[in-house]
């Protein structure tokens, strides 16, 4: 069995979508295109996994967000150079 939908428990598939994310400093939101997602044909939910959410949040915390325009692709975002090696404020 493959990927299961976290909402309905039925079989789901990997996909991509566009999301909008508030920057850590709260100054603005950006559009992130081609973001990995889970797509469920049964309940029609499209969402990001906890892992993808954490990757985005960590990356936005560790880069110079002033260099990001209104929109960026997920791959471009994740390729931006980090100011720190890791999120030292994440105690999870």
PDB file of N, CA and C in Angstrom:
ATOM      1  N   UNK A   1       0.837  -1.169   0.000  1.00  0.00           N
ATOM      2  CA  UNK A   1       0.000   0.000   0.000  1.00  0.00           C
ATOM      3  C   UNK A   1       0.891   1.244   0.000  1.00  0.00           C
ATOM      4  N   UNK A   2       0.460   2.294  -0.695  1.00  0.00           N
ATOM      5  CA  UNK A   2       1.243   3.513  -0.824  1.00  0.00           C
ATOM      6  C   UNK A   2       0.893   4.553   0.213  1.00  0.00           C
ATOM      7  N   UNK A   3       0.776   5.748  -0.223  1.00  0.00           N
ATOM      8  CA  UNK A   3       0.492   6.908   0.617  1.00  0.00           C
ATOM      9  C   UNK A   3      -0.979   6.925   1.031  1.00  0.00           C
ATOM     10  N   UNK A   4      -1.237   7.214   2.317  1.00  0.00           N
ATOM     11  CA  UNK A   4      -2.611   7.303   2.802  1.00  0.00           C
ATOM     12  C   UNK A   4      -2.950   8.750   3.143  1.00  0.00           C
ATOM     13  N   UNK A   5      -4.172   9.150   2.835  1.00  0.00           N
ATOM     14  CA  UNK A   5      -4.658  10.484   3.153  1.00  0.00           C
ATOM     15  C   UNK A   5      -4.820  10.610   4.666  1.00  0.00           C
ATOM     16  N   UNK A   6      -4.262  11.675   5.234  1.00  0.00           N
ATOM     17  CA  UNK A   6      -4.381  11.913   6.673  1.00  0.00           C
ATOM     18  C   UNK A   6      -5.784  12.351   7.065  1.00  0.00           C
ATOM     19  N   UNK A   7      -6.608  12.746   6.108  1.00  0.00           N
ATOM     20  CA  UNK A   7      -7.955  13.233   6.387  1.00  0.00           C
ATOM     21  C   UNK A   7      -8.986  12.117   6.371  1.00  0.00           C
ATOM     22  N   UNK A   8      -8.925  11.250   5.347  1.00  0.00           N
ATOM     23  CA  UNK A   8      -9.962  10.220   5.225  1.00  0.00           C
ATOM     24  C   UNK A   8      -9.431   8.801   5.316  1.00  0.00           C
ATOM     25  N   UNK A   9      -8.098   8.621   5.264  1.00  0.00           N
ATOM     26  CA  UNK A   9      -7.501   7.306   5.383  1.00  0.00           C
ATOM     27  C   UNK A   9      -7.465   6.499   4.099  1.00  0.00           C
ATOM     28  N   UNK A  10      -7.976   7.048   3.010  1.00  0.00           N
ATOM     29  CA  UNK A  10      -7.964   6.352   1.716  1.00  0.00           C
ATOM     30  C   UNK A  10      -6.610   6.548   1.040  1.00  0.00           C
ATOM     31  N   UNK A  11      -6.393   5.780  -0.023  1.00  0.00           N
ATOM     32  CA  UNK A  11      -5.142   5.887  -0.761  1.00  0.00           C
ATOM     33  C   UNK A  11      -5.042   7.254  -1.428  1.00  0.00           C
ATOM     34  N   UNK A  12      -3.853   7.859  -1.360  1.00  0.00           N
ATOM     35  CA  UNK A  12      -3.611   9.178  -1.938  1.00  0.00           C
ATOM     36  C   UNK A  12      -2.365   9.110  -2.815  1.00  0.00           C
ATOM     37  N   UNK A  13      -2.054  10.216  -3.451  1.00  0.00           N
ATOM     38  CA  UNK A  13      -0.871  10.249  -4.312  1.00  0.00           C
ATOM     39  C   UNK A  13      -0.081  11.527  -4.078  1.00  0.00           C
ATOM     40  N   UNK A  14       1.184  11.493  -4.488  1.00  0.00           N
ATOM     41  CA  UNK A  14       2.026  12.677  -4.390  1.00  0.00           C
ATOM     42  C   UNK A  14       1.645  13.639  -5.500  1.00  0.00           C
ATOM     43  N   UNK A  15       1.729  14.916  -5.195  1.00  0.00           N
ATOM     44  CA  UNK A  15       1.436  15.940  -6.184  1.00  0.00           C
ATOM     45  C   UNK A  15       2.165  17.223  -5.817  1.00  0.00           C
ATOM     46  N   UNK A  16       1.720  18.317  -6.397  1.00  0.00           N
ATOM     47  CA  UNK A  16       2.281  19.633  -6.120  1.00  0.00           C
ATOM     48  C   UNK A  16       1.142  20.641  -6.090  1.00  0.00           C
ATOM     49  N   UNK A  17       1.339  21.722  -5.340  1.00  0.00           N
ATOM     50  CA  UNK A  17       0.396  22.823  -5.396  1.00  0.00           C
ATOM     51  C   UNK A  17       1.098  24.109  -5.010  1.00  0.00           C
ATOM     52  N   UNK A  18       0.360  25.199  -5.040  1.00  0.00           N
ATOM     53  CA  UNK A  18       0.872  26.506  -4.667  1.00  0.00           C
ATOM     54  C   UNK A  18       0.346  26.843  -3.285  1.00  0.00           C
ATOM     55  N   UNK A  19       1.241  27.323  -2.425  1.00  0.00           N
ATOM     56  CA  UNK A  19       0.854  27.694  -1.063  1.00  0.00           C
ATOM     57  C   UNK A  19       1.278  29.132  -0.802  1.00  0.00           C
ATOM     58  N   UNK A  20       0.686  29.726   0.203  1.00  0.00           N
ATOM     59  CA  UNK A  20       1.043  31.070   0.634  1.00  0.00           C
ATOM     60  C   UNK A  20       1.532  30.961   2.066  1.00  0.00           C
ATOM     61  N   UNK A  21       2.685  31.595   2.342  1.00  0.00           N
ATOM     62  CA  UNK A  21       3.342  31.433   3.637  1.00  0.00           C
ATOM     63  C   UNK A  21       3.713  32.781   4.210  1.00  0.00           C
ATOM     64  N   UNK A  22       3.407  32.982   5.481  1.00  0.00           N
ATOM     65  CA  UNK A  22       3.825  34.204   6.163  1.00  0.00           C
ATOM     66  C   UNK A  22       5.283  34.067   6.566  1.00  0.00           C
ATOM     67  N   UNK A  23       6.052  35.107   6.328  1.00  0.00           N
ATOM     68  CA  UNK A  23       7.458  35.091   6.709  1.00  0.00           C
ATOM     69  C   UNK A  23       7.577  35.107   8.232  1.00  0.00           C
ATOM     70  N   UNK A  24       8.663  34.551   8.778  1.00  0.00           N
ATOM     71  CA  UNK A  24       8.819  34.468  10.234  1.00  0.00           C
ATOM     72  C   UNK A  24       8.718  35.813  10.956  1.00  0.00           C
ATOM     73  N   UNK A  25       9.129  36.893  10.293  1.00  0.00           N
ATOM     74  CA  UNK A  25       9.064  38.200  10.957  1.00  0.00           C
ATOM     75  C   UNK A  25       7.683  38.844  10.837  1.00  0.00           C
ATOM     76  N   UNK A  26       6.768  38.199  10.128  1.00  0.00           N
ATOM     77  CA  UNK A  26       5.392  38.664  10.015  1.00  0.00           C
ATOM     78  C   UNK A  26       5.189  39.863   9.108  1.00  0.00           C
ATOM     79  N   UNK A  27       6.202  40.247   8.355  1.00  0.00           N
ATOM     80  CA  UNK A  27       6.096  41.452   7.532  1.00  0.00           C
ATOM     81  C   UNK A  27       5.251  41.268   6.276  1.00  0.00           C
ATOM     82  N   UNK A  28       5.222  40.045   5.747  1.00  0.00           N
ATOM     83  CA  UNK A  28       4.467  39.789   4.521  1.00  0.00           C
ATOM     84  C   UNK A  28       4.335  38.294   4.297  1.00  0.00           C
ATOM     85  N   UNK A  29       3.551  37.955   3.296  1.00  0.00           N
ATOM     86  CA  UNK A  29       3.402  36.558   2.897  1.00  0.00           C
ATOM     87  C   UNK A  29       3.977  36.401   1.491  1.00  0.00           C
ATOM     88  N   UNK A  30       4.426  35.203   1.189  1.00  0.00           N
ATOM     89  CA  UNK A  30       4.947  34.912  -0.148  1.00  0.00           C
ATOM     90  C   UNK A  30       4.194  33.721  -0.730  1.00  0.00           C
ATOM     91  N   UNK A  31       4.251  33.616  -2.026  1.00  0.00           N
ATOM     92  CA  UNK A  31       3.672  32.487  -2.743  1.00  0.00           C
ATOM     93  C   UNK A  31       4.798  31.500  -3.027  1.00  0.00           C
ATOM     94  N   UNK A  32       4.573  30.228  -2.697  1.00  0.00           N
ATOM     95  CA  UNK A  32       5.552  29.179  -2.978  1.00  0.00           C
ATOM     96  C   UNK A  32       4.894  28.217  -3.959  1.00  0.00           C
ATOM     97  N   UNK A  33       5.412  28.175  -5.175  1.00  0.00           N
ATOM     98  CA  UNK A  33       4.840  27.339  -6.222  1.00  0.00           C
ATOM     99  C   UNK A  33       5.507  25.966  -6.249  1.00  0.00           C
ATOM    100  N   UNK A  34       4.846  25.024  -6.882  1.00  0.00           N
ATOM    101  CA  UNK A  34       5.384  23.671  -7.085  1.00  0.00           C
ATOM    102  C   UNK A  34       5.802  23.024  -5.757  1.00  0.00           C
ATOM    103  N   UNK A  35       4.995  23.234  -4.726  1.00  0.00           N
ATOM    104  CA  UNK A  35       5.280  22.693  -3.396  1.00  0.00           C
ATOM    105  C   UNK A  35       4.800  21.252  -3.318  1.00  0.00           C
ATOM    106  N   UNK A  36       5.633  20.324  -2.841  1.00  0.00           N
ATOM    107  CA  UNK A  36       5.197  18.933  -2.708  1.00  0.00           C
ATOM    108  C   UNK A  36       3.925  18.841  -1.868  1.00  0.00           C
ATOM    109  N   UNK A  37       3.007  18.021  -2.322  1.00  0.00           N
ATOM    110  CA  UNK A  37       1.719  17.900  -1.642  1.00  0.00           C
ATOM    111  C   UNK A  37       1.223  16.467  -1.696  1.00  0.00           C
ATOM    112  N   UNK A  38       0.218  16.191  -0.887  1.00  0.00           N
ATOM    113  CA  UNK A  38      -0.511  14.928  -0.928  1.00  0.00           C
ATOM    114  C   UNK A  38      -1.873  15.250  -1.522  1.00  0.00           C
ATOM    115  N   UNK A  39      -2.287  14.479  -2.525  1.00  0.00           N
ATOM    116  CA  UNK A  39      -3.569  14.690  -3.182  1.00  0.00           C
ATOM    117  C   UNK A  39      -4.432  13.447  -3.004  1.00  0.00           C
ATOM    118  N   UNK A  40      -5.648  13.643  -2.496  1.00  0.00           N
ATOM    119  CA  UNK A  40      -6.568  12.534  -2.293  1.00  0.00           C
ATOM    120  C   UNK A  40      -7.743  12.652  -3.269  1.00  0.00           C
ATOM    121  N   UNK A  41      -7.916  11.673  -4.109  1.00  0.00           N
ATOM    122  CA  UNK A  41      -9.027  11.656  -5.059  1.00  0.00           C
ATOM    123  C   UNK A  41     -10.355  11.442  -4.341  1.00  0.00           C
ATOM    124  N   UNK A  42     -10.328  10.720  -3.238  1.00  0.00           N
ATOM    125  CA  UNK A  42     -11.571  10.367  -2.543  1.00  0.00           C
ATOM    126  C   UNK A  42     -12.206  11.579  -1.854  1.00  0.00           C
ATOM    127  N   UNK A  43     -11.457  12.268  -0.991  1.00  0.00           N
ATOM    128  CA  UNK A  43     -12.035  13.408  -0.253  1.00  0.00           C
ATOM    129  C   UNK A  43     -11.649  14.752  -0.854  1.00  0.00           C
ATOM    130  N   UNK A  44     -10.813  14.731  -1.898  1.00  0.00           N
ATOM    131  CA  UNK A  44     -10.390  15.937  -2.638  1.00  0.00           C
ATOM    132  C   UNK A  44      -9.462  16.861  -1.862  1.00  0.00           C
ATOM    133  N   UNK A  45      -8.901  16.392  -0.750  1.00  0.00           N
ATOM    134  CA  UNK A  45      -7.956  17.209   0.020  1.00  0.00           C
ATOM    135  C   UNK A  45      -6.604  17.256  -0.687  1.00  0.00           C
ATOM    136  N   UNK A  46      -5.988  18.414  -0.632  1.00  0.00           N
ATOM    137  CA  UNK A  46      -4.624  18.609  -1.109  1.00  0.00           C
ATOM    138  C   UNK A  46      -3.909  19.337   0.020  1.00  0.00           C
ATOM    139  N   UNK A  47      -2.838  18.742   0.536  1.00  0.00           N
ATOM    140  CA  UNK A  47      -2.171  19.324   1.699  1.00  0.00           C
ATOM    141  C   UNK A  47      -0.688  18.973   1.708  1.00  0.00           C
ATOM    142  N   UNK A  48       0.057  19.708   2.541  1.00  0.00           N
ATOM    143  CA  UNK A  48       1.477  19.445   2.727  1.00  0.00           C
ATOM    144  C   UNK A  48       1.647  18.550   3.951  1.00  0.00           C
ATOM    145  N   UNK A  49       2.612  17.653   3.874  1.00  0.00           N
ATOM    146  CA  UNK A  49       2.914  16.802   5.024  1.00  0.00           C
ATOM    147  C   UNK A  49       3.584  17.648   6.103  1.00  0.00           C
ATOM    148  N   UNK A  50       3.623  17.123   7.308  1.00  0.00           N
ATOM    149  CA  UNK A  50       4.314  17.805   8.408  1.00  0.00           C
ATOM    150  C   UNK A  50       5.784  18.028   8.078  1.00  0.00           C
ATOM    151  N   UNK A  51       6.396  17.076   7.370  1.00  0.00           N
ATOM    152  CA  UNK A  51       7.811  17.181   7.027  1.00  0.00           C
ATOM    153  C   UNK A  51       8.056  18.350   6.070  1.00  0.00           C
ATOM    154  N   UNK A  52       7.205  18.499   5.045  1.00  0.00           N
ATOM    155  CA  UNK A  52       7.360  19.601   4.093  1.00  0.00           C
ATOM    156  C   UNK A  52       7.126  20.932   4.800  1.00  0.00           C
ATOM    157  N   UNK A  53       6.120  20.987   5.662  1.00  0.00           N
ATOM    158  CA  UNK A  53       5.838  22.199   6.418  1.00  0.00           C
ATOM    159  C   UNK A  53       7.050  22.607   7.250  1.00  0.00           C
ATOM    160  N   UNK A  54       7.654  21.660   7.938  1.00  0.00           N
ATOM    161  CA  UNK A  54       8.831  21.946   8.768  1.00  0.00           C
ATOM    162  C   UNK A  54      10.009  22.399   7.903  1.00  0.00           C
ATOM    163  N   UNK A  55      10.209  21.764   6.744  1.00  0.00           N
ATOM    164  CA  UNK A  55      11.298  22.162   5.846  1.00  0.00           C
ATOM    165  C   UNK A  55      11.133  23.613   5.411  1.00  0.00           C
ATOM    166  N   UNK A  56       9.914  24.001   5.042  1.00  0.00           N
ATOM    167  CA  UNK A  56       9.653  25.376   4.608  1.00  0.00           C
ATOM    168  C   UNK A  56       9.882  26.345   5.763  1.00  0.00           C
ATOM    169  N   UNK A  57       9.318  26.045   6.923  1.00  0.00           N
ATOM    170  CA  UNK A  57       9.459  26.942   8.070  1.00  0.00           C
ATOM    171  C   UNK A  57      10.912  27.096   8.493  1.00  0.00           C
ATOM    172  N   UNK A  58      11.650  25.988   8.534  1.00  0.00           N
ATOM    173  CA  UNK A  58      13.068  26.071   8.889  1.00  0.00           C
ATOM    174  C   UNK A  58      13.836  26.899   7.865  1.00  0.00           C
ATOM    175  N   UNK A  59      13.609  26.653   6.583  1.00  0.00           N
ATOM    176  CA  UNK A  59      14.333  27.374   5.539  1.00  0.00           C
ATOM    177  C   UNK A  59      14.037  28.875   5.612  1.00  0.00           C
ATOM    178  N   UNK A  60      12.777  29.242   5.805  1.00  0.00           N
ATOM    179  CA  UNK A  60      12.431  30.664   5.885  1.00  0.00           C
ATOM    180  C   UNK A  60      13.061  31.331   7.103  1.00  0.00           C
ATOM    181  N   UNK A  61      13.267  30.570   8.155  1.00  0.00           N
ATOM    182  CA  UNK A  61      13.891  31.098   9.360  1.00  0.00           C
ATOM    183  C   UNK A  61      15.400  31.281   9.184  1.00  0.00           C
ATOM    184  N   UNK A  62      16.010  30.472   8.308  1.00  0.00           N
ATOM    185  CA  UNK A  62      17.467  30.411   8.202  1.00  0.00           C
ATOM    186  C   UNK A  62      18.054  31.184   7.026  1.00  0.00           C
ATOM    187  N   UNK A  63      17.211  31.790   6.200  1.00  0.00           N
ATOM    188  CA  UNK A  63      17.711  32.511   5.026  1.00  0.00           C
ATOM    189  C   UNK A  63      17.417  34.001   5.160  1.00  0.00           C
ATOM    190  N   UNK A  64      17.993  34.785   4.257  1.00  0.00           N
ATOM    191  CA  UNK A  64      17.699  36.213   4.183  1.00  0.00           C
ATOM    192  C   UNK A  64      16.431  36.366   3.351  1.00  0.00           C
ATOM    193  N   UNK A  65      15.293  36.516   4.020  1.00  0.00           N
ATOM    194  CA  UNK A  65      14.002  36.554   3.318  1.00  0.00           C
ATOM    195  C   UNK A  65      13.816  37.825   2.504  1.00  0.00           C
ATOM    196  N   UNK A  66      14.650  38.842   2.720  1.00  0.00           N
ATOM    197  CA  UNK A  66      14.556  40.071   1.921  1.00  0.00           C
ATOM    198  C   UNK A  66      14.918  39.808   0.461  1.00  0.00           C
ATOM    199  N   UNK A  67      15.592  38.711   0.203  1.00  0.00           N
ATOM    200  CA  UNK A  67      15.998  38.365  -1.163  1.00  0.00           C
ATOM    201  C   UNK A  67      14.899  37.615  -1.924  1.00  0.00           C
ATOM    202  N   UNK A  68      13.775  37.338  -1.255  1.00  0.00           N
ATOM    203  CA  UNK A  68      12.674  36.616  -1.889  1.00  0.00           C
ATOM    204  C   UNK A  68      11.644  37.635  -2.362  1.00  0.00           C
ATOM    205  N   UNK A  69      11.213  37.487  -3.608  1.00  0.00           N
ATOM    206  CA  UNK A  69      10.162  38.352  -4.130  1.00  0.00           C
ATOM    207  C   UNK A  69       8.805  37.889  -3.622  1.00  0.00           C
ATOM    208  N   UNK A  70       7.758  38.233  -4.347  1.00  0.00           N
ATOM    209  CA  UNK A  70       6.403  37.843  -3.957  1.00  0.00           C
ATOM    210  C   UNK A  70       6.145  36.367  -4.194  1.00  0.00           C
ATOM    211  N   UNK A  71       6.897  35.755  -5.122  1.00  0.00           N
ATOM    212  CA  UNK A  71       6.677  34.353  -5.470  1.00  0.00           C
ATOM    213  C   UNK A  71       8.013  33.664  -5.718  1.00  0.00           C
ATOM    214  N   UNK A  72       8.088  32.395  -5.322  1.00  0.00           N
ATOM    215  CA  UNK A  72       9.292  31.586  -5.512  1.00  0.00           C
ATOM    216  C   UNK A  72       8.856  30.132  -5.599  1.00  0.00           C
ATOM    217  N   UNK A  73       9.583  29.334  -6.348  1.00  0.00           N
ATOM    218  CA  UNK A  73       9.255  27.903  -6.392  1.00  0.00           C
ATOM    219  C   UNK A  73       9.843  27.222  -5.159  1.00  0.00           C
ATOM    220  N   UNK A  74       9.279  26.094  -4.802  1.00  0.00           N
ATOM    221  CA  UNK A  74       9.772  25.324  -3.655  1.00  0.00           C
ATOM    222  C   UNK A  74      11.251  24.975  -3.832  1.00  0.00           C
ATOM    223  N   UNK A  75      11.629  24.521  -5.017  1.00  0.00           N
ATOM    224  CA  UNK A  75      13.022  24.131  -5.264  1.00  0.00           C
ATOM    225  C   UNK A  75      13.952  25.336  -5.148  1.00  0.00           C
ATOM    226  N   UNK A  76      13.537  26.492  -5.676  1.00  0.00           N
ATOM    227  CA  UNK A  76      14.356  27.702  -5.562  1.00  0.00           C
ATOM    228  C   UNK A  76      14.503  28.120  -4.104  1.00  0.00           C
ATOM    229  N   UNK A  77      13.410  28.063  -3.355  1.00  0.00           N
ATOM    230  CA  UNK A  77      13.445  28.411  -1.937  1.00  0.00           C
ATOM    231  C   UNK A  77      14.418  27.521  -1.177  1.00  0.00           C
ATOM    232  N   UNK A  78      14.313  26.218  -1.396  1.00  0.00           N
ATOM    233  CA  UNK A  78      15.157  25.290  -0.653  1.00  0.00           C
ATOM    234  C   UNK A  78      16.624  25.375  -1.069  1.00  0.00           C
ATOM    235  N   UNK A  79      16.903  25.958  -2.240  1.00  0.00           N
ATOM    236  CA  UNK A  79      18.284  26.090  -2.718  1.00  0.00           C
ATOM    237  C   UNK A  79      18.958  27.375  -2.244  1.00  0.00           C
ATOM    238  N   UNK A  80      18.195  28.302  -1.647  1.00  0.00           N
ATOM    239  CA  UNK A  80      18.794  29.547  -1.177  1.00  0.00           C
ATOM    240  C   UNK A  80      19.792  29.268  -0.051  1.00  0.00           C
ATOM    241  N   UNK A  81      20.905  30.003  -0.037  1.00  0.00           N
ATOM    242  CA  UNK A  81      21.921  29.768   1.006  1.00  0.00           C
ATOM    243  C   UNK A  81      21.411  30.169   2.395  1.00  0.00           C
ATOM    244  N   UNK A  82      21.750  29.352   3.369  1.00  0.00           N
ATOM    245  CA  UNK A  82      21.335  29.589   4.756  1.00  0.00           C
ATOM    246  C   UNK A  82      22.357  30.454   5.483  1.00  0.00           C
ATOM    247  N   UNK A  83      21.844  31.298   6.373  1.00  0.00           N
ATOM    248  CA  UNK A  83      22.708  32.124   7.215  1.00  0.00           C
ATOM    249  C   UNK A  83      23.233  31.320   8.404  1.00  0.00           C
ATOM    250  N   UNK A  84      22.461  30.329   8.847  1.00  0.00           N
ATOM    251  CA  UNK A  84      22.840  29.417   9.920  1.00  0.00           C
ATOM    252  C   UNK A  84      22.753  27.993   9.380  1.00  0.00           C
ATOM    253  N   UNK A  85      23.442  27.058  10.018  1.00  0.00           N
ATOM    254  CA  UNK A  85      23.409  25.666   9.561  1.00  0.00           C
ATOM    255  C   UNK A  85      22.082  24.986   9.862  1.00  0.00           C
ATOM    256  N   UNK A  86      21.471  25.342  11.001  1.00  0.00           N
ATOM    257  CA  UNK A  86      20.202  24.730  11.370  1.00  0.00           C
ATOM    258  C   UNK A  86      19.427  25.697  12.246  1.00  0.00           C
ATOM    259  N   UNK A  87      18.178  25.367  12.504  1.00  0.00           N
ATOM    260  CA  UNK A  87      17.309  26.181  13.350  1.00  0.00           C
ATOM    261  C   UNK A  87      17.607  25.858  14.811  1.00  0.00           C
ATOM    262  N   UNK A  88      18.389  26.682  15.452  1.00  0.00           N
ATOM    263  CA  UNK A  88      18.793  26.444  16.838  1.00  0.00           C
ATOM    264  C   UNK A  88      17.682  26.736  17.842  1.00  0.00           C
ATOM    265  N   UNK A  89      16.560  27.278  17.362  1.00  0.00           N
ATOM    266  CA  UNK A  89      15.426  27.569  18.225  1.00  0.00           C
ATOM    267  C   UNK A  89      14.349  26.485  18.157  1.00  0.00           C
ATOM    268  N   UNK A  90      14.589  25.443  17.369  1.00  0.00           N
ATOM    269  CA  UNK A  90      13.641  24.327  17.255  1.00  0.00           C
ATOM    270  C   UNK A  90      14.030  23.265  18.275  1.00  0.00           C
ATOM    271  N   UNK A  91      13.227  23.115  19.301  1.00  0.00           N
ATOM    272  CA  UNK A  91      13.525  22.159  20.373  1.00  0.00           C
ATOM    273  C   UNK A  91      12.692  20.897  20.264  1.00  0.00           C
ATOM    274  N   UNK A  92      12.072  20.673  19.101  1.00  0.00           N
ATOM    275  CA  UNK A  92      11.223  19.491  18.943  1.00  0.00           C
ATOM    276  C   UNK A  92      12.034  18.230  18.711  1.00  0.00           C
TER     277      UNK A  92
END
